[in-house]
Structures are given as structure tokens and as C-alpha cells.
C-alpha atoms as a PDB file:
ATOM      1  CA  UNK A   1       0.000   0.000   0.000  1.00  0.00           C
ATOM      2  CA  UNK A   2       1.301   3.412  -0.951  1.00  0.00           C
ATOM      3  CA  UNK A   3       2.092   5.848   1.848  1.00  0.00           C
ATOM      4  CA  UNK A   4       0.234   9.144   1.505  1.00  0.00           C
ATOM      5  CA  UNK A   5       1.867  12.454   2.422  1.00  0.00           C
ATOM      6  CA  UNK A   6      -1.496  14.211   2.026  1.00  0.00           C
ATOM      7  CA  UNK A   7      -4.869  13.475   0.459  1.00  0.00           C
ATOM      8  CA  UNK A   8      -3.580  13.753  -3.121  1.00  0.00           C
ATOM      9  CA  UNK A   9       0.186  13.082  -2.841  1.00  0.00           C
ATOM     10  CA  UNK A  10       1.908   9.737  -2.312  1.00  0.00           C
ATOM     11  CA  UNK A  11       5.434   9.248  -1.038  1.00  0.00           C
ATOM     12  CA  UNK A  12       6.281   7.467  -4.305  1.00  0.00           C
ATOM     13  CA  UNK A  13       5.110  10.480  -6.340  1.00  0.00           C
ATOM     14  CA  UNK A  14       7.106  12.910  -4.174  1.00  0.00           C
ATOM     15  CA  UNK A  15      10.329  10.848  -4.414  1.00  0.00           C
ATOM     16  CA  UNK A  16       9.950  10.054  -8.150  1.00  0.00           C
ATOM     17  CA  UNK A  17      12.775  11.301 -10.352  1.00  0.00           C
ATOM     18  CA  UNK A  18      13.524  10.313 -13.940  1.00  0.00           C
ATOM     19  CA  UNK A  19      17.145  11.394 -13.410  1.00  0.00           C
ATOM     20  CA  UNK A  20      17.501   9.246 -10.274  1.00  0.00           C
ATOM     21  CA  UNK A  21      16.050   6.261 -12.118  1.00  0.00           C
ATOM     22  CA  UNK A  22      18.235   6.815 -15.186  1.00  0.00           C
ATOM     23  CA  UNK A  23      21.451   7.025 -13.146  1.00  0.00           C
ATOM     24  CA  UNK A  24      20.556   4.499 -10.416  1.00  0.00           C
ATOM     25  CA  UNK A  25      20.546   7.124  -7.665  1.00  0.00           C
ATOM     26  CA  UNK A  26      18.734   6.367  -4.420  1.00  0.00           C
ATOM     27  CA  UNK A  27      16.112   9.022  -3.716  1.00  0.00           C
ATOM     28  CA  UNK A  28      14.367   7.931  -0.504  1.00  0.00           C
ATOM     29  CA  UNK A  29      13.454  10.261   2.354  1.00  0.00           C
ATOM     30  CA  UNK A  30      14.345   9.724   6.004  1.00  0.00           C
ATOM     31  CA  UNK A  31      11.885  10.447   8.849  1.00  0.00           C
ATOM     32  CA  UNK A  32      12.782  14.164   9.172  1.00  0.00           C
ATOM     33  CA  UNK A  33      12.441  14.675   5.424  1.00  0.00           C
ATOM     34  CA  UNK A  34       9.129  12.784   5.430  1.00  0.00           C
ATOM     35  CA  UNK A  35       7.802  15.057   8.175  1.00  0.00           C
ATOM     36  CA  UNK A  36       8.761  18.156   6.160  1.00  0.00           C
ATOM     37  CA  UNK A  37       7.269  16.709   2.962  1.00  0.00           C
ATOM     38  CA  UNK A  38       3.965  15.999   4.743  1.00  0.00           C
ATOM     39  CA  UNK A  39       3.801  19.587   6.045  1.00  0.00           C
ATOM     40  CA  UNK A  40       4.571  20.929   2.540  1.00  0.00           C
ATOM     41  CA  UNK A  41       1.942  18.770   0.873  1.00  0.00           C
ATOM     42  CA  UNK A  42      -0.761  19.495   3.463  1.00  0.00           C
ATOM     43  CA  UNK A  43      -0.145  23.257   3.729  1.00  0.00           C
ATOM     44  CA  UNK A  44       0.848  24.170   0.165  1.00  0.00           C
ATOM     45  CA  UNK A  45      -0.136  21.464  -2.325  1.00  0.00           C
ATOM     46  CA  UNK A  46      -3.603  20.639  -0.974  1.00  0.00           C
ATOM     47  CA  UNK A  47      -4.964  24.237  -0.914  1.00  0.00           C
ATOM     48  CA  UNK A  48      -3.741  24.694  -4.504  1.00  0.00           C
ATOM     49  CA  UNK A  49      -5.201  21.319  -5.563  1.00  0.00           C
ATOM     50  CA  UNK A  50      -8.545  22.251  -4.010  1.00  0.00           C
ATOM     51  CA  UNK A  51      -8.540  25.612  -5.812  1.00  0.00           C
ATOM     52  CA  UNK A  52      -7.537  24.112  -9.192  1.00  0.00           C
ATOM     53  CA  UNK A  53      -9.983  21.224  -8.822  1.00  0.00           C
ATOM     54  CA  UNK A  54      -7.959  18.687 -10.805  1.00  0.00           C
ATOM     55  CA  UNK A  55      -4.748  16.640 -10.503  1.00  0.00           C
ATOM     56  CA  UNK A  56      -1.433  18.544 -10.496  1.00  0.00           C
ATOM     57  CA  UNK A  57       1.817  16.906 -11.583  1.00  0.00           C
ATOM     58  CA  UNK A  58       4.795  17.245  -9.252  1.00  0.00           C
ATOM     59  CA  UNK A  59       7.794  17.676 -11.567  1.00  0.00           C
ATOM     60  CA  UNK A  60      10.274  17.488  -8.691  1.00  0.00           C
ATOM     61  CA  UNK A  61       9.732  16.845  -4.997  1.00  0.00           C
ATOM     62  CA  UNK A  62      12.403  15.364  -2.752  1.00  0.00           C
ATOM     63  CA  UNK A  63      15.991  15.222  -4.016  1.00  0.00           C
ATOM     64  CA  UNK A  64      18.740  13.252  -2.312  1.00  0.00           C
ATOM     65  CA  UNK A  65      22.189  14.844  -2.051  1.00  0.00           C
ATOM     66  CA  UNK A  66      23.452  12.653  -4.910  1.00  0.00           C
ATOM     67  CA  UNK A  67      20.494  13.549  -7.134  1.00  0.00           C
ATOM     68  CA  UNK A  68      20.785  17.265  -6.347  1.00  0.00           C
ATOM     69  CA  UNK A  69      24.473  17.153  -7.295  1.00  0.00           C
ATOM     70  CA  UNK A  70      23.718  15.200 -10.484  1.00  0.00           C
ATOM     71  CA  UNK A  71      21.273  17.855 -11.735  1.00  0.00           C
ATOM     72  CA  UNK A  72      23.788  20.601 -10.966  1.00  0.00           C
ATOM     73  CA  UNK A  73      22.119  22.207  -7.948  1.00  0.00           C
ATOM     74  CA  UNK A  74      24.260  23.236  -4.993  1.00  0.00           C
ATOM     75  CA  UNK A  75      21.804  23.731  -2.160  1.00  0.00           C
ATOM     76  CA  UNK A  76      18.050  23.378  -2.212  1.00  0.00           C
ATOM     77  CA  UNK A  77      15.056  22.997   0.053  1.00  0.00           C
ATOM     78  CA  UNK A  78      14.267  19.909  -2.073  1.00  0.00           C
ATOM     79  CA  UNK A  79      17.027  18.180  -0.028  1.00  0.00           C
ATOM     80  CA  UNK A  80      14.990  18.617   3.155  1.00  0.00           C
ATOM     81  CA  UNK A  81      11.617  17.624   1.659  1.00  0.00           C
ATOM     82  CA  UNK A  82      10.571  21.273   1.985  1.00  0.00           C
ATOM     83  CA  UNK A  83      10.156  22.109  -1.734  1.00  0.00           C
ATOM     84  CA  UNK A  84       8.347  20.980  -4.851  1.00  0.00           C
ATOM     85  CA  UNK A  85       8.209  22.068  -8.466  1.00  0.00           C
ATOM     86  CA  UNK A  86       4.686  21.917  -9.847  1.00  0.00           C
ATOM     87  CA  UNK A  87       3.545  21.651 -13.448  1.00  0.00           C
ATOM     88  CA  UNK A  88       1.568  24.891 -13.181  1.00  0.00           C
ATOM     89  CA  UNK A  89       2.153  27.932 -15.357  1.00  0.00           C
ATOM     90  CA  UNK A  90      -0.596  30.563 -15.097  1.00  0.00           C
ATOM     91  CA  UNK A  91       0.470  33.944 -13.722  1.00  0.00           C
ATOM     92  CA  UNK A  92      -3.091  34.395 -12.443  1.00  0.00           C
ATOM     93  CA  UNK A  93      -2.802  31.159 -10.423  1.00  0.00           C
ATOM     94  CA  UNK A  94       0.636  32.178  -9.111  1.00  0.00           C
ATOM     95  CA  UNK A  95      -0.817  35.457  -7.817  1.00  0.00           C
ATOM     96  CA  UNK A  96      -3.682  33.492  -6.207  1.00  0.00           C
ATOM     97  CA  UNK A  97      -1.110  31.286  -4.432  1.00  0.00           C
ATOM     98  CA  UNK A  98       0.765  34.352  -3.133  1.00  0.00           C
ATOM     99  CA  UNK A  99      -2.457  35.712  -1.650  1.00  0.00           C
ATOM    100  CA  UNK A 100      -4.047  32.504  -0.346  1.00  0.00           C
ATOM    101  CA  UNK A 101      -1.396  29.924   0.571  1.00  0.00           C
ATOM    102  CA  UNK A 102       1.131  29.879   3.424  1.00  0.00           C
ATOM    103  CA  UNK A 103       4.599  29.305   1.891  1.00  0.00           C
ATOM    104  CA  UNK A 104       8.282  29.976   2.449  1.00  0.00           C
ATOM    105  CA  UNK A 105       9.336  30.628  -1.159  1.00  0.00           C
ATOM    106  CA  UNK A 106       7.218  30.854  -4.292  1.00  0.00           C
ATOM    107  CA  UNK A 107       9.259  31.124  -7.480  1.00  0.00           C
ATOM    108  CA  UNK A 108       7.721  31.880 -10.869  1.00  0.00           C
ATOM    109  CA  UNK A 109      10.238  29.932 -12.912  1.00  0.00           C
ATOM    110  CA  UNK A 110      11.217  31.473 -16.253  1.00  0.00           C
ATOM    111  CA  UNK A 111       8.481  31.710 -18.915  1.00  0.00           C
ATOM    112  CA  UNK A 112       6.981  35.102 -19.743  1.00  0.00           C
ATOM    113  CA  UNK A 113       4.573  37.617 -18.208  1.00  0.00           C
ATOM    114  CA  UNK A 114       1.543  35.351 -18.768  1.00  0.00           C
ATOM    115  CA  UNK A 115       2.934  31.895 -18.051  1.00  0.00           C
ATOM    116  CA  UNK A 116       5.845  30.465 -16.100  1.00  0.00           C
ATOM    117  CA  UNK A 117       7.637  27.300 -17.161  1.00  0.00           C
ATOM    118  CA  UNK A 118       6.687  25.876 -13.702  1.00  0.00           C
ATOM    119  CA  UNK A 119       6.223  26.957 -10.081  1.00  0.00           C
ATOM    120  CA  UNK A 120       8.711  26.210  -7.293  1.00  0.00           C
ATOM    121  CA  UNK A 121       7.045  26.261  -3.865  1.00  0.00           C
ATOM    122  CA  UNK A 122       8.510  25.602  -0.442  1.00  0.00           C
ATOM    123  CA  UNK A 123       7.304  25.466   3.149  1.00  0.00           C
ATOM    124  CA  UNK A 124       9.119  25.519   6.496  1.00  0.00           C
ATOM    125  CA  UNK A 125       6.970  24.715   9.523  1.00  0.00           C
ATOM    126  CA  UNK A 126       6.688  27.842  11.658  1.00  0.00           C
ATOM    127  CA  UNK A 127       9.376  29.799   9.828  1.00  0.00           C
ATOM    128  CA  UNK A 128       8.068  30.948   6.450  1.00  0.00           C
ATOM    129  CA  UNK A 129       9.554  34.002   4.742  1.00  0.00           C
ATOM    130  CA  UNK A 130       6.697  34.529   2.216  1.00  0.00           C
ATOM    131  CA  UNK A 131       9.364  35.257  -0.409  1.00  0.00           C
ATOM    132  CA  UNK A 132       7.921  35.734  -3.931  1.00  0.00           C
ATOM    133  CA  UNK A 133      10.554  35.558  -6.688  1.00  0.00           C
ATOM    134  CA  UNK A 134      10.876  35.235 -10.448  1.00  0.00           C
ATOM    135  CA  UNK A 135      13.675  33.190 -12.020  1.00  0.00           C
ATOM    136  CA  UNK A 136      15.180  34.717 -15.152  1.00  0.00           C
ATOM    137  CA  UNK A 137      18.121  33.836 -17.391  1.00  0.00           C
ATOM    138  CA  UNK A 138      20.964  36.356 -17.398  1.00  0.00           C
ATOM    139  CA  UNK A 139      24.145  35.663 -19.380  1.00  0.00           C
ATOM    140  CA  UNK A 140      23.417  31.926 -19.380  1.00  0.00           C
ATOM    141  CA  UNK A 141      22.863  31.757 -15.615  1.00  0.00           C
ATOM    142  CA  UNK A 142      19.802  31.945 -13.390  1.00  0.00           C
ATOM    143  CA  UNK A 143      19.027  35.098 -11.450  1.00  0.00           C
ATOM    144  CA  UNK A 144      16.206  35.526  -8.926  1.00  0.00           C
ATOM    145  CA  UNK A 145      14.407  38.849  -8.784  1.00  0.00           C
ATOM    146  CA  UNK A 146      11.361  39.964  -6.774  1.00  0.00           C
ATOM    147  CA  UNK A 147       8.094  38.849  -8.395  1.00  0.00           C
ATOM    148  CA  UNK A 148       5.913  41.806  -9.419  1.00  0.00           C
END
């Protein structure tokens, strides 16, 4: 039986990674990471899912240290089970999230003024910064600017 992190998210879905599978990288959460992932899914994912009213794909949830290194990331809340990248793109929905969901970071990833490529959302129990950012490409690198 699959372990559920929240009503609509399973542990398997949150740990799933095509890159980890392709390169044989273990991507399993420990108890502390599981606790953080449950809080993230209950407090961030579920309110969005209820508002959208249909399934939402998690592009990236938990990332082990080896997986994070493999994809070229240095540090990330994904390592702690505190972040997820969702297959959502609408600027209107992103603004709704900023106004209606408790979060630590909400990043409108790339895209244009109407649609992001995806949303990065994180949650830290009792210590959320409510930081709204936009990721943009500058000289081949990623830069984070305040979301407006």
C-alpha cells in the first residue's frame, strides 16, 4: 500500500525522479524529510489542488544529495523535503497562491509575463519568509528577482 503524504500526494510520487532512475541514484526520504514533505503537501499542495480542482503533476519533490548534485544544484530545500516544483504555469494562479497559501518561497520559474515554465514552492513549519521571486536567465545563468 502506498504511503500518503497528504490526500492527493503519495510518497512514491514525491520521491519520483527520472534522473535518479536513469542514473541508479537512491532518492528515498528519512523520517525528518518525510515530516517536512507531509507539512509541505498538506499546507501548500492541498490548498492549490482544491482551488484548481484537478490533478497537479509534481515535476520534482524530494531530491537526495546525490540527485541534487547530479542535476547541478548546490543547495536546495528539495534536499529537506521542503520544496516541490509543480507543473503549473498561469500567472493568475501564481498570484492566487501568493495571496491565499502559506509558503516559504514561491518562485515563478522562467516563462513570460503570462505563463511560467513551472512553479517552485517551499514550506518551512513555523518559519516561512513569504518570499515571492521570479527566475530569469541572465548571461546563461539563473538570477532571482522579486516577483511583481
